Structure formats: structure tokens, C-alpha cells
Amino acid sequence: MKPGFFGHIFLTVLSIAYPALWYSGLTKIRTRRRSRR
């Protein structure tokens, strides 16, 4: 496998996974705030 090809796959996976993890993190913070109230 070429390093450039692997890097391209890595970037595509990051672009999809990072926003999902960030959104899930926001939802967790919101649920924690609701539970505290």
C-alpha cells in the first residue's frame, strides 16, 4: 500500500468519525447538565 493512499483513507475516516464523536460528546454533556438539575 502506498503511504499517500493510506493517508487518504485515514483522513476520510477522521472526517467522518471526529464530527460523530464531537456530537456524541455534546449530547453527553447536555444529558449530564439535565441530570444535575
N, C-alpha and C. Protein backbone atom coordinates (compact mmCIF):
# COMPACT_ATOMS: atom_id res chain seq x y z
N MET A 1 0.84 -1.21 0.00
CA MET A 1 0.00 0.00 0.00
C MET A 1 0.87 1.25 0.00
N LYS A 2 0.46 2.23 -0.76
CA LYS A 2 1.21 3.49 -0.80
C LYS A 2 0.86 4.34 0.43
N PRO A 3 1.84 5.04 0.99
CA PRO A 3 1.58 5.88 2.17
C PRO A 3 0.54 6.96 1.89
N GLY A 4 0.55 7.50 0.66
CA GLY A 4 -0.43 8.53 0.31
C GLY A 4 -1.84 7.96 0.31
N PHE A 5 -1.98 6.73 -0.20
CA PHE A 5 -3.30 6.09 -0.24
C PHE A 5 -3.81 5.83 1.18
N PHE A 6 -2.91 5.34 2.04
CA PHE A 6 -3.27 5.07 3.43
C PHE A 6 -3.66 6.37 4.14
N GLY A 7 -2.90 7.43 3.87
CA GLY A 7 -3.21 8.72 4.48
C GLY A 7 -4.57 9.24 4.04
N HIS A 8 -4.91 8.98 2.77
CA HIS A 8 -6.20 9.43 2.25
C HIS A 8 -7.34 8.72 2.98
N ILE A 9 -7.17 7.42 3.20
CA ILE A 9 -8.21 6.65 3.92
C ILE A 9 -8.30 7.15 5.36
N PHE A 10 -7.14 7.41 5.97
CA PHE A 10 -7.11 7.87 7.36
C PHE A 10 -7.84 9.21 7.50
N LEU A 11 -7.61 10.10 6.54
CA LEU A 11 -8.26 11.42 6.60
C LEU A 11 -9.77 11.29 6.41
N THR A 12 -10.19 10.41 5.50
CA THR A 12 -11.63 10.24 5.27
C THR A 12 -12.30 9.66 6.52
N VAL A 13 -11.63 8.70 7.16
CA VAL A 13 -12.20 8.10 8.37
C VAL A 13 -12.28 9.15 9.48
N LEU A 14 -11.23 9.96 9.59
CA LEU A 14 -11.22 11.00 10.63
C LEU A 14 -12.33 12.01 10.38
N SER A 15 -12.50 12.41 9.11
CA SER A 15 -13.51 13.41 8.78
C SER A 15 -14.91 12.91 9.12
N ILE A 16 -15.09 11.58 9.12
CA ILE A 16 -16.42 11.02 9.43
C ILE A 16 -16.55 10.73 10.93
N ALA A 17 -15.48 10.20 11.52
CA ALA A 17 -15.55 9.78 12.93
C ALA A 17 -15.46 10.96 13.88
N TYR A 18 -14.59 11.94 13.58
CA TYR A 18 -14.39 13.06 14.51
C TYR A 18 -15.68 13.85 14.78
N PRO A 19 -16.42 14.28 13.75
CA PRO A 19 -17.68 15.00 14.00
C PRO A 19 -18.67 14.16 14.79
N ALA A 20 -18.69 12.85 14.55
CA ALA A 20 -19.62 11.97 15.27
C ALA A 20 -19.25 11.91 16.75
N LEU A 21 -17.94 11.78 17.02
CA LEU A 21 -17.50 11.73 18.42
C LEU A 21 -17.75 13.07 19.10
N TRP A 22 -17.53 14.17 18.37
CA TRP A 22 -17.74 15.51 18.94
C TRP A 22 -19.23 15.71 19.26
N TYR A 23 -20.12 15.28 18.35
CA TYR A 23 -21.55 15.43 18.58
C TYR A 23 -22.00 14.57 19.75
N SER A 24 -21.47 13.35 19.83
CA SER A 24 -21.84 12.46 20.93
C SER A 24 -21.35 13.05 22.25
N GLY A 25 -20.20 13.72 22.22
CA GLY A 25 -19.68 14.35 23.43
C GLY A 25 -20.60 15.48 23.88
N LEU A 26 -21.12 16.25 22.93
CA LEU A 26 -22.03 17.35 23.27
C LEU A 26 -23.30 16.80 23.89
N THR A 27 -23.82 15.71 23.34
CA THR A 27 -25.06 15.13 23.86
C THR A 27 -24.82 14.61 25.27
N LYS A 28 -23.63 14.05 25.53
CA LYS A 28 -23.33 13.54 26.87
C LYS A 28 -23.28 14.69 27.87
N ILE A 29 -22.70 15.82 27.47
CA ILE A 29 -22.63 16.98 28.37
C ILE A 29 -24.03 17.51 28.65
N ARG A 30 -24.87 17.54 27.62
CA ARG A 30 -26.24 18.04 27.81
C ARG A 30 -27.01 17.14 28.76
N THR A 31 -26.85 15.82 28.61
CA THR A 31 -27.57 14.89 29.48
C THR A 31 -27.06 15.02 30.92
N ARG A 32 -25.77 15.27 31.09
CA ARG A 32 -25.22 15.44 32.44
C ARG A 32 -25.79 16.68 33.09
N ARG A 33 -25.91 17.77 32.31
CA ARG A 33 -26.47 19.01 32.86
C ARG A 33 -27.92 18.80 33.26
N ARG A 34 -28.65 18.05 32.43
CA ARG A 34 -30.07 17.81 32.74
C ARG A 34 -30.19 16.96 34.00
N SER A 35 -29.32 15.96 34.13
CA SER A 35 -29.41 15.07 35.29
C SER A 35 -29.06 15.84 36.58
N ARG A 36 -28.14 16.80 36.49
CA ARG A 36 -27.77 17.58 37.67
C ARG A 36 -28.95 18.43 38.14
N ARG A 37 -29.69 18.98 37.18
CA ARG A 37 -30.85 19.79 37.54
C ARG A 37 -31.95 18.88 38.09
